[in-house]
PDB file of N, CA and C in Angstrom:
ATOM      1  N   UNK A   1      -7.605   9.137   6.784  1.00  0.00           N
ATOM      2  CA  UNK A   1      -6.411   8.545   7.720  1.00  0.00           C
ATOM      3  C   UNK A   1      -6.495   7.565   8.390  1.00  0.00           C
ATOM      4  N   UNK A   2      -5.341   7.276   8.794  1.00  0.00           N
ATOM      5  CA  UNK A   2      -5.217   6.030   9.698  1.00  0.00           C
ATOM      6  C   UNK A   2      -4.746   6.704  11.422  1.00  0.00           C
ATOM      7  N   UNK A   3      -6.095   6.246  11.936  1.00  0.00           N
ATOM      8  CA  UNK A   3      -5.484   6.311  13.211  1.00  0.00           C
ATOM      9  C   UNK A   3      -4.181   5.795  14.191  1.00  0.00           C
ATOM     10  N   UNK A   4      -3.673   4.259  13.590  1.00  0.00           N
ATOM     11  CA  UNK A   4      -2.719   3.942  14.157  1.00  0.00           C
ATOM     12  C   UNK A   4      -2.338   3.648  12.584  1.00  0.00           C
ATOM     13  N   UNK A   5      -0.467   3.583  12.833  1.00  0.00           N
ATOM     14  CA  UNK A   5      -0.007   3.106  11.777  1.00  0.00           C
ATOM     15  C   UNK A   5       1.043   2.394  12.203  1.00  0.00           C
ATOM     16  N   UNK A   6       1.418   0.959  11.579  1.00  0.00           N
ATOM     17  CA  UNK A   6       2.413  -0.343  11.875  1.00  0.00           C
ATOM     18  C   UNK A   6       1.805  -1.677  12.540  1.00  0.00           C
ATOM     19  N   UNK A   7       0.546  -1.197  12.276  1.00  0.00           N
ATOM     20  CA  UNK A   7       0.131  -2.836  12.697  1.00  0.00           C
ATOM     21  C   UNK A   7      -0.782  -3.325  10.844  1.00  0.00           C
ATOM     22  N   UNK A   8      -1.007  -4.991  11.034  1.00  0.00           N
ATOM     23  CA  UNK A   8      -1.502  -5.367   9.676  1.00  0.00           C
ATOM     24  C   UNK A   8      -2.598  -4.895   9.575  1.00  0.00           C
ATOM     25  N   UNK A   9      -3.480  -4.870  10.626  1.00  0.00           N
ATOM     26  CA  UNK A   9      -5.085  -4.662  10.904  1.00  0.00           C
ATOM     27  C   UNK A   9      -5.461  -2.965  10.441  1.00  0.00           C
ATOM     28  N   UNK A  10      -4.160  -2.396  10.775  1.00  0.00           N
ATOM     29  CA  UNK A  10      -4.663  -1.052  10.335  1.00  0.00           C
ATOM     30  C   UNK A  10      -4.143  -0.442   8.605  1.00  0.00           C
ATOM     31  N   UNK A  11      -3.864  -1.814   8.199  1.00  0.00           N
ATOM     32  CA  UNK A  11      -3.573  -1.477   6.608  1.00  0.00           C
ATOM     33  C   UNK A  11      -4.655  -2.289   6.020  1.00  0.00           C
ATOM     34  N   UNK A  12      -5.403  -3.009   6.634  1.00  0.00           N
ATOM     35  CA  UNK A  12      -6.799  -3.569   6.091  1.00  0.00           C
ATOM     36  C   UNK A  12      -8.108  -1.801   6.711  1.00  0.00           C
ATOM     37  N   UNK A  13      -8.044  -1.680   7.390  1.00  0.00           N
ATOM     38  CA  UNK A  13      -8.994  -0.143   7.851  1.00  0.00           C
ATOM     39  C   UNK A  13      -8.430   1.032   7.541  1.00  0.00           C
ATOM     40  N   UNK A  14      -7.248   0.900   6.772  1.00  0.00           N
ATOM     41  CA  UNK A  14      -6.824   2.422   6.078  1.00  0.00           C
ATOM     42  C   UNK A  14      -7.383   2.170   4.716  1.00  0.00           C
ATOM     43  N   UNK A  15      -7.826   2.662   3.826  1.00  0.00           N
ATOM     44  CA  UNK A  15      -8.335   2.203   2.846  1.00  0.00           C
ATOM     45  C   UNK A  15      -6.763   2.855   1.640  1.00  0.00           C
ATOM     46  N   UNK A  16      -5.912   3.576   2.196  1.00  0.00           N
ATOM     47  CA  UNK A  16      -5.015   4.031   1.544  1.00  0.00           C
ATOM     48  C   UNK A  16      -3.319   3.404   2.164  1.00  0.00           C
ATOM     49  N   UNK A  17      -2.927   2.140   1.399  1.00  0.00           N
ATOM     50  CA  UNK A  17      -2.318   1.572   1.577  1.00  0.00           C
ATOM     51  C   UNK A  17      -0.902   2.414   1.801  1.00  0.00           C
ATOM     52  N   UNK A  18      -0.440   3.130   1.419  1.00  0.00           N
ATOM     53  CA  UNK A  18       0.857   3.764   1.253  1.00  0.00           C
ATOM     54  C   UNK A  18       0.971   4.389   2.834  1.00  0.00           C
ATOM     55  N   UNK A  19      -0.071   4.407   3.773  1.00  0.00           N
ATOM     56  CA  UNK A  19       0.100   4.965   5.483  1.00  0.00           C
ATOM     57  C   UNK A  19       0.551   4.217   5.825  1.00  0.00           C
ATOM     58  N   UNK A  20       0.706   2.576   5.487  1.00  0.00           N
ATOM     59  CA  UNK A  20       1.189   1.689   6.228  1.00  0.00           C
ATOM     60  C   UNK A  20       2.231   1.827   6.294  1.00  0.00           C
ATOM     61  N   UNK A  21       3.574   2.427   5.935  1.00  0.00           N
ATOM     62  CA  UNK A  21       5.050   2.276   6.372  1.00  0.00           C
ATOM     63  C   UNK A  21       5.406   1.116   6.902  1.00  0.00           C
ATOM     64  N   UNK A  22       5.224   1.300   8.130  1.00  0.00           N
ATOM     65  CA  UNK A  22       5.904   0.335   8.978  1.00  0.00           C
ATOM     66  C   UNK A  22       5.553  -1.200   9.203  1.00  0.00           C
ATOM     67  N   UNK A  23       5.211  -2.059   7.896  1.00  0.00           N
ATOM     68  CA  UNK A  23       4.094  -3.389   7.727  1.00  0.00           C
ATOM     69  C   UNK A  23       5.115  -4.325   6.359  1.00  0.00           C
ATOM     70  N   UNK A  24       6.192  -4.506   7.037  1.00  0.00           N
ATOM     71  CA  UNK A  24       6.756  -5.411   6.229  1.00  0.00           C
ATOM     72  C   UNK A  24       6.559  -6.098   5.071  1.00  0.00           C
ATOM     73  N   UNK A  25       5.691  -6.756   5.687  1.00  0.00           N
ATOM     74  CA  UNK A  25       4.745  -7.963   5.258  1.00  0.00           C
ATOM     75  C   UNK A  25       3.474  -7.298   3.591  1.00  0.00           C
ATOM     76  N   UNK A  26       3.599  -5.492   3.771  1.00  0.00           N
ATOM     77  CA  UNK A  26       2.651  -5.095   2.693  1.00  0.00           C
ATOM     78  C   UNK A  26       3.079  -4.580   1.870  1.00  0.00           C
ATOM     79  N   UNK A  27       4.429  -4.812   2.054  1.00  0.00           N
ATOM     80  CA  UNK A  27       5.415  -4.125   1.365  1.00  0.00           C
ATOM     81  C   UNK A  27       5.953  -4.287  -0.356  1.00  0.00           C
ATOM     82  N   UNK A  28       6.381  -5.775  -0.343  1.00  0.00           N
ATOM     83  CA  UNK A  28       5.981  -6.677  -1.244  1.00  0.00           C
ATOM     84  C   UNK A  28       5.498  -6.647  -2.113  1.00  0.00           C
ATOM     85  N   UNK A  29       3.819  -6.954  -1.605  1.00  0.00           N
ATOM     86  CA  UNK A  29       3.102  -7.057  -2.248  1.00  0.00           C
ATOM     87  C   UNK A  29       2.394  -5.638  -2.691  1.00  0.00           C
ATOM     88  N   UNK A  30       2.785  -4.176  -2.492  1.00  0.00           N
ATOM     89  CA  UNK A  30       2.187  -3.235  -3.083  1.00  0.00           C
ATOM     90  C   UNK A  30       3.117  -2.606  -3.892  1.00  0.00           C
ATOM     91  N   UNK A  31       4.425  -2.646  -3.799  1.00  0.00           N
ATOM     92  CA  UNK A  31       5.066  -1.903  -4.511  1.00  0.00           C
ATOM     93  C   UNK A  31       4.966  -2.371  -6.109  1.00  0.00           C
ATOM     94  N   UNK A  32       4.842  -4.228  -6.942  1.00  0.00           N
ATOM     95  CA  UNK A  32       4.241  -4.504  -7.619  1.00  0.00           C
ATOM     96  C   UNK A  32       3.180  -3.841  -8.137  1.00  0.00           C
ATOM     97  N   UNK A  33       2.173  -3.738  -7.650  1.00  0.00           N
ATOM     98  CA  UNK A  33       1.155  -3.277  -7.925  1.00  0.00           C
ATOM     99  C   UNK A  33       0.977  -2.206  -8.272  1.00  0.00           C
ATOM    100  N   UNK A  34       1.222  -1.140  -7.490  1.00  0.00           N
ATOM    101  CA  UNK A  34       2.079  -0.027  -7.743  1.00  0.00           C
ATOM    102  C   UNK A  34       2.429   0.757  -9.316  1.00  0.00           C
ATOM    103  N   UNK A  35       3.734   0.112  -9.249  1.00  0.00           N
ATOM    104  CA  UNK A  35       4.646  -0.065 -10.453  1.00  0.00           C
ATOM    105  C   UNK A  35       3.940  -0.609 -11.736  1.00  0.00           C
ATOM    106  N   UNK A  36       2.795  -1.550 -11.443  1.00  0.00           N
ATOM    107  CA  UNK A  36       2.394  -2.169 -12.859  1.00  0.00           C
ATOM    108  C   UNK A  36       0.774  -0.724 -12.619  1.00  0.00           C
ATOM    109  N   UNK A  37       0.412  -0.683 -12.503  1.00  0.00           N
ATOM    110  CA  UNK A  37      -0.758   0.495 -12.556  1.00  0.00           C
ATOM    111  C   UNK A  37       0.357   1.786 -12.646  1.00  0.00           C
ATOM    112  N   UNK A  38       1.261   2.630 -12.181  1.00  0.00           N
ATOM    113  CA  UNK A  38       2.140   3.098 -13.104  1.00  0.00           C
ATOM    114  C   UNK A  38       2.057   3.154 -14.179  1.00  0.00           C
ATOM    115  N   UNK A  39       2.755   1.588 -14.639  1.00  0.00           N
ATOM    116  CA  UNK A  39       3.145   0.875 -16.113  1.00  0.00           C
ATOM    117  C   UNK A  39       2.008   0.953 -16.839  1.00  0.00           C
ATOM    118  N   UNK A  40       0.603   0.974 -16.393  1.00  0.00           N
ATOM    119  CA  UNK A  40      -0.779   0.846 -17.243  1.00  0.00           C
ATOM    120  C   UNK A  40      -0.982   2.240 -17.541  1.00  0.00           C
ATOM    121  N   UNK A  41      -1.066   3.162 -16.648  1.00  0.00           N
ATOM    122  CA  UNK A  41      -1.553   4.323 -16.523  1.00  0.00           C
ATOM    123  C   UNK A  41      -0.594   5.168 -18.174  1.00  0.00           C
ATOM    124  N   UNK A  42       0.874   5.214 -17.835  1.00  0.00           N
ATOM    125  CA  UNK A  42       1.982   5.338 -18.881  1.00  0.00           C
ATOM    126  C   UNK A  42       1.302   4.970 -20.149  1.00  0.00           C
ATOM    127  N   UNK A  43       0.705   3.528 -20.471  1.00  0.00           N
ATOM    128  CA  UNK A  43       1.026   3.086 -21.958  1.00  0.00           C
ATOM    129  C   UNK A  43      -0.539   3.852 -22.133  1.00  0.00           C
ATOM    130  N   UNK A  44      -0.838   4.219 -21.427  1.00  0.00           N
ATOM    131  CA  UNK A  44      -2.412   5.091 -22.167  1.00  0.00           C
ATOM    132  C   UNK A  44      -2.204   6.472 -22.386  1.00  0.00           C
TER     133      UNK A  44
END
């Protein structure tokens, strides 16, 4: 679990990027990655 949420550094410290909901810079990057992973899993 993240000790702090909302900082850019916390996203790298925290293994789960889902915890970093307050960093807008990571949201546009993580959403397509998650969608690609979900699509990949559904194909198999």
